[in-house]
Amino acid sequence: MLELNKLKIILKTLKTMKSLKEFIQKKINGVITTLVINGVILLILGVLIAWYNFMVRLTVGLMTVVLAYTCLYLAYKIWKFKHEVMKYIK
């Protein structure tokens, strides 16, 4: 009977670890996708700066906004990830 209880605890732990692994992969993939999209936007803005002198102010302003958005969004994703991990740990 004792071994059956231990086996149930082990199976429950394995299921929790599997769902935690899937959750972590999902969140990290979301952060990677966000960073790639923002990187592409910054690359396009860099090309615009190099080729069009009259758009320098506009592109610098947009780049600043995109960088600010990236920082805020990354901070939110990390906070949400921490919150979800803490939920699994408790």
C-alpha atoms as a PDB file:
ATOM      1  CA  MET A   1       0.000   0.000   0.000  1.00  0.00           C
ATOM      2  CA  LEU A   2       2.848   2.346   0.839  1.00  0.00           C
ATOM      3  CA  GLU A   3       4.491   1.719  -2.522  1.00  0.00           C
ATOM      4  CA  LEU A   4       1.218   2.433  -4.317  1.00  0.00           C
ATOM      5  CA  ASN A   5       1.032   5.841  -2.616  1.00  0.00           C
ATOM      6  CA  LYS A   6       4.635   6.558  -3.555  1.00  0.00           C
ATOM      7  CA  LEU A   7       3.879   5.588  -7.139  1.00  0.00           C
ATOM      8  CA  LYS A   8       0.863   7.913  -7.219  1.00  0.00           C
ATOM      9  CA  ILE A   9       2.990  10.778  -5.888  1.00  0.00           C
ATOM     10  CA  ILE A  10       5.682  10.095  -8.495  1.00  0.00           C
ATOM     11  CA  LEU A  11       3.120  10.003 -11.322  1.00  0.00           C
ATOM     12  CA  LYS A  12       1.532  13.239 -10.127  1.00  0.00           C
ATOM     13  CA  THR A  13       4.956  14.878  -9.964  1.00  0.00           C
ATOM     14  CA  LEU A  14       5.796  13.688 -13.481  1.00  0.00           C
ATOM     15  CA  LYS A  15       2.537  15.098 -14.853  1.00  0.00           C
ATOM     16  CA  THR A  16       3.199  18.412 -13.119  1.00  0.00           C
ATOM     17  CA  MET A  17       6.761  18.523 -14.460  1.00  0.00           C
ATOM     18  CA  LYS A  18       5.525  17.756 -17.976  1.00  0.00           C
ATOM     19  CA  SER A  19       2.949  20.539 -17.847  1.00  0.00           C
ATOM     20  CA  LEU A  20       5.554  22.891 -16.350  1.00  0.00           C
ATOM     21  CA  LYS A  21       7.956  22.029 -19.182  1.00  0.00           C
ATOM     22  CA  GLU A  22       5.280  22.734 -21.796  1.00  0.00           C
ATOM     23  CA  PHE A  23       4.363  25.985 -20.059  1.00  0.00           C
ATOM     24  CA  ILE A  24       7.988  27.157 -19.948  1.00  0.00           C
ATOM     25  CA  GLN A  25       8.484  26.279 -23.622  1.00  0.00           C
ATOM     26  CA  LYS A  26       5.333  28.186 -24.579  1.00  0.00           C
ATOM     27  CA  LYS A  27       6.361  31.315 -22.667  1.00  0.00           C
ATOM     28  CA  ILE A  28       9.947  31.290 -23.952  1.00  0.00           C
ATOM     29  CA  ASN A  29       8.711  30.832 -27.529  1.00  0.00           C
ATOM     30  CA  GLY A  30       6.465  33.871 -27.052  1.00  0.00           C
ATOM     31  CA  VAL A  31       9.392  35.999 -25.876  1.00  0.00           C
ATOM     32  CA  ILE A  32      11.555  34.784 -28.776  1.00  0.00           C
ATOM     33  CA  THR A  33       8.823  35.604 -31.288  1.00  0.00           C
ATOM     34  CA  THR A  34       8.408  39.082 -29.836  1.00  0.00           C
ATOM     35  CA  LEU A  35      12.144  39.768 -29.957  1.00  0.00           C
ATOM     36  CA  VAL A  36      12.409  38.525 -33.557  1.00  0.00           C
ATOM     37  CA  ILE A  37       9.519  40.723 -34.711  1.00  0.00           C
ATOM     38  CA  ASN A  38      10.994  43.768 -32.964  1.00  0.00           C
ATOM     39  CA  GLY A  39      14.407  42.967 -34.454  1.00  0.00           C
ATOM     40  CA  VAL A  40      12.933  42.919 -37.958  1.00  0.00           C
ATOM     41  CA  ILE A  41      11.204  46.248 -37.327  1.00  0.00           C
ATOM     42  CA  LEU A  42      14.473  47.762 -36.098  1.00  0.00           C
ATOM     43  CA  LEU A  43      16.285  46.393 -39.162  1.00  0.00           C
ATOM     44  CA  ILE A  44      13.755  48.027 -41.468  1.00  0.00           C
ATOM     45  CA  LEU A  45      14.096  51.285 -39.547  1.00  0.00           C
ATOM     46  CA  GLY A  46      17.878  51.074 -39.850  1.00  0.00           C
ATOM     47  CA  VAL A  47      17.596  50.719 -43.617  1.00  0.00           C
ATOM     48  CA  LEU A  48      15.262  53.714 -43.748  1.00  0.00           C
ATOM     49  CA  ILE A  49      17.749  55.792 -41.765  1.00  0.00           C
ATOM     50  CA  ALA A  50      20.598  54.857 -44.087  1.00  0.00           C
ATOM     51  CA  TRP A  51      18.726  55.539 -47.336  1.00  0.00           C
ATOM     52  CA  TYR A  52      16.433  58.454 -46.624  1.00  0.00           C
ATOM     53  CA  ASN A  53      17.925  61.486 -44.922  1.00  0.00           C
ATOM     54  CA  PHE A  54      14.617  63.303 -44.568  1.00  0.00           C
ATOM     55  CA  MET A  55      13.132  60.423 -42.546  1.00  0.00           C
ATOM     56  CA  VAL A  56      15.857  60.391 -39.914  1.00  0.00           C
ATOM     57  CA  ARG A  57      13.800  62.132 -37.247  1.00  0.00           C
ATOM     58  CA  LEU A  58      10.783  59.947 -37.904  1.00  0.00           C
ATOM     59  CA  THR A  59      12.756  56.717 -37.829  1.00  0.00           C
ATOM     60  CA  VAL A  60      14.701  57.681 -34.710  1.00  0.00           C
ATOM     61  CA  GLY A  61      11.423  58.487 -32.991  1.00  0.00           C
ATOM     62  CA  LEU A  62       9.868  55.217 -34.127  1.00  0.00           C
ATOM     63  CA  MET A  63      12.953  53.296 -33.060  1.00  0.00           C
ATOM     64  CA  THR A  64      12.731  54.850 -29.620  1.00  0.00           C
ATOM     65  CA  VAL A  65       9.073  53.905 -29.357  1.00  0.00           C
ATOM     66  CA  VAL A  66       9.786  50.344 -30.513  1.00  0.00           C
ATOM     67  CA  LEU A  67      12.628  49.973 -28.004  1.00  0.00           C
ATOM     68  CA  ALA A  68      10.409  51.288 -25.223  1.00  0.00           C
ATOM     69  CA  TYR A  69       7.658  48.876 -26.241  1.00  0.00           C
ATOM     70  CA  THR A  70      10.150  46.003 -26.319  1.00  0.00           C
ATOM     71  CA  CYS A  71      11.393  46.780 -22.823  1.00  0.00           C
ATOM     72  CA  LEU A  72       7.899  47.071 -21.398  1.00  0.00           C
ATOM     73  CA  TYR A  73       6.628  43.960 -23.149  1.00  0.00           C
ATOM     74  CA  LEU A  74       9.667  41.909 -22.113  1.00  0.00           C
ATOM     75  CA  ALA A  75       9.252  43.058 -18.520  1.00  0.00           C
ATOM     76  CA  TYR A  76       5.585  42.035 -18.632  1.00  0.00           C
ATOM     77  CA  LYS A  77       6.417  38.617 -20.116  1.00  0.00           C
ATOM     78  CA  ILE A  78       9.053  37.941 -17.473  1.00  0.00           C
ATOM     79  CA  TRP A  79       6.704  39.056 -14.684  1.00  0.00           C
ATOM     80  CA  LYS A  80       3.910  36.842 -16.038  1.00  0.00           C
ATOM     81  CA  PHE A  81       6.336  33.908 -16.373  1.00  0.00           C
ATOM     82  CA  LYS A  82       7.468  34.368 -12.762  1.00  0.00           C
ATOM     83  CA  HIS A  83       3.861  34.540 -11.606  1.00  0.00           C
ATOM     84  CA  GLU A  84       2.944  31.302 -13.411  1.00  0.00           C
ATOM     85  CA  VAL A  85       6.026  29.448 -12.165  1.00  0.00           C
ATOM     86  CA  MET A  86       5.271  30.500  -8.605  1.00  0.00           C
ATOM     87  CA  LYS A  87       1.749  29.168  -9.080  1.00  0.00           C
ATOM     88  CA  TYR A  88       3.194  25.742  -9.989  1.00  0.00           C
ATOM     89  CA  ILE A  89       5.632  25.791  -7.074  1.00  0.00           C
ATOM     90  CA  LYS A  90       3.000  26.550  -4.420  1.00  0.00           C
END
